[in-house]
Protein backbone atom coordinates (compact mmCIF):
# COMPACT_ATOMS: atom_id res chain seq x y z
CA UNK A 1 -0.22 -0.22 0.03
CA UNK A 2 1.15 3.90 -0.60
CA UNK A 3 2.45 5.61 2.01
CA UNK A 4 -0.25 8.36 2.86
CA UNK A 5 -3.46 6.38 1.78
CA UNK A 6 -5.50 3.71 3.71
CA UNK A 7 -7.52 0.88 3.18
CA UNK A 8 -11.52 1.81 2.97
CA UNK A 9 -12.87 1.67 6.81
CA UNK A 10 -9.10 1.42 8.50
CA UNK A 11 -7.65 4.30 10.20
CA UNK A 12 -4.36 5.41 10.79
CA UNK A 13 -2.78 7.85 13.00
CA UNK A 14 -0.69 9.79 11.19
CA UNK A 15 1.96 11.19 13.75
CA UNK A 16 0.51 10.73 16.70
CA UNK A 17 1.80 8.83 19.49
CA UNK A 18 -0.72 5.63 21.06
CA UNK A 19 -0.19 5.81 24.54
CA UNK A 20 -1.93 4.59 27.30
CA UNK A 21 -4.98 6.83 29.24
CA UNK A 22 -6.80 5.84 32.54
CA UNK A 23 -9.08 8.42 32.86
CA UNK A 24 -11.18 9.42 29.55
CA UNK A 25 -11.72 13.06 28.50
CA UNK A 26 -15.05 14.13 29.28
CA UNK A 27 -17.46 16.82 29.02
CA UNK A 28 -20.22 18.25 30.74
CA UNK A 29 -21.93 13.90 29.21
CA UNK A 30 -24.94 14.51 31.20
CA UNK A 31 -26.46 17.31 29.09
CA UNK A 32 -29.10 17.08 26.93
CA UNK A 33 -28.14 17.57 23.34
CA UNK A 34 -31.14 15.77 21.98
CA UNK A 35 -32.47 17.76 18.39
CA UNK A 36 -28.32 18.38 17.76
CA UNK A 37 -26.43 16.59 14.59
CA UNK A 38 -24.28 13.53 14.50
CA UNK A 39 -22.48 11.86 12.49
CA UNK A 40 -23.14 8.54 12.43
CA UNK A 41 -21.07 6.01 10.06
CA UNK A 42 -19.40 2.43 10.08
CA UNK A 43 -18.59 0.24 13.36
CA UNK A 44 -15.05 1.44 13.44
CA UNK A 45 -12.53 0.10 16.93
CA UNK A 46 -11.28 2.93 19.29
CA UNK A 47 -7.50 3.12 18.67
CA UNK A 48 -6.25 2.66 22.19
CA UNK A 49 -4.30 -0.30 22.31
CA UNK A 50 -6.68 -3.46 24.33
CA UNK A 51 -9.61 -0.82 24.14
CA UNK A 52 -12.43 -2.93 23.13
CA UNK A 53 -14.94 0.48 22.62
CA UNK A 54 -16.11 -0.07 18.55
CA UNK A 55 -17.92 3.89 17.31
CA UNK A 56 -20.70 3.34 15.25
CA UNK A 57 -21.07 7.16 15.36
CA UNK A 58 -17.55 9.90 15.38
CA UNK A 59 -16.72 10.24 18.90
CA UNK A 60 -13.94 11.63 21.07
CA UNK A 61 -12.61 9.46 24.34
CA UNK A 62 -16.03 7.30 23.47
CA UNK A 63 -17.75 10.77 24.06
CA UNK A 64 -20.17 11.69 20.33
CA UNK A 65 -18.99 14.25 19.12
CA UNK A 66 -22.29 16.67 17.90
CA UNK A 67 -23.00 20.43 16.43
CA UNK A 68 -26.46 23.07 17.02
CA UNK A 69 -26.69 23.31 12.81
CA UNK A 70 -26.66 20.90 10.33
CA UNK A 71 -24.25 22.37 7.80
CA UNK A 72 -21.66 23.71 10.27
CA UNK A 73 -18.50 23.59 8.07
CA UNK A 74 -17.12 21.61 11.11
CA UNK A 75 -19.72 18.97 10.35
CA UNK A 76 -19.49 18.76 6.61
CA UNK A 77 -15.49 18.80 6.55
CA UNK A 78 -15.58 15.34 9.56
CA UNK A 79 -17.93 14.07 7.57
CA UNK A 80 -16.36 14.36 4.30
CA UNK A 81 -12.67 12.20 5.52
CA UNK A 82 -15.40 9.70 7.19
CA UNK A 83 -16.35 9.46 3.85
CA UNK A 84 -12.59 9.69 2.00
CA UNK A 85 -11.93 6.47 4.21
CA UNK A 86 -15.14 4.47 3.48
CA UNK A 87 -16.94 4.89 6.87
CA UNK A 88 -20.15 5.34 4.80
CA UNK A 89 -21.25 8.50 6.90
CA UNK A 90 -24.74 9.98 6.90
CA UNK A 91 -25.37 13.09 8.79
CA UNK A 92 -28.83 12.44 11.32
CA UNK A 93 -30.22 14.03 14.14
CA UNK A 94 -28.36 13.10 17.48
CA UNK A 95 -30.73 11.54 20.65
CA UNK A 96 -29.30 10.71 23.87
CA UNK A 97 -30.30 7.25 23.51
CA UNK A 98 -27.20 6.86 21.08
CA UNK A 99 -24.84 7.84 24.22
CA UNK A 100 -23.04 10.43 26.19
CA UNK A 101 -22.33 13.18 23.94
CA UNK A 102 -19.43 16.19 23.96
CA UNK A 103 -20.44 19.50 21.71
CA UNK A 104 -17.73 19.31 19.07
CA UNK A 105 -16.45 23.07 20.33
CA UNK A 106 -15.66 22.36 23.87
CA UNK A 107 -13.91 18.95 22.50
CA UNK A 108 -12.09 21.55 20.47
CA UNK A 109 -11.38 23.92 22.96
CA UNK A 110 -9.73 20.72 24.82
CA UNK A 111 -7.52 20.03 22.40
CA UNK A 112 -8.96 17.36 20.71
CA UNK A 113 -8.42 14.96 23.13
CA UNK A 114 -8.86 11.01 21.82
CA UNK A 115 -8.41 8.30 23.17
CA UNK A 116 -5.07 6.15 23.59
CA UNK A 117 -2.98 9.30 21.61
CA UNK A 118 -1.27 11.53 23.33
CA UNK A 119 -2.16 15.53 22.64
CA UNK A 120 0.23 17.39 20.74
């Protein structure tokens, strides 16, 4: 496989160092963000070594990333990236039954933490 390319449905971590995390980052995950928007994808595994979490949405530290507006440029950008790596993204309205969520902008302000990836 050419360097810089990934197989459809496979995530790659370029220039990132994997590490163990004892405690995951959390937003005010108890907040009800029903009616916000998220990106559902084909299932994909958490990048952290030994973690058996499988995401069906764009997540960060096992929290579903959500946006207030369906046409938010960052939501559209992340959906496009998911499409480029073969994750079959679908933008849909978030419901609390999907699991805990985090505002994309709160996650970004926290430095974009990802389970198993050392912060830059």
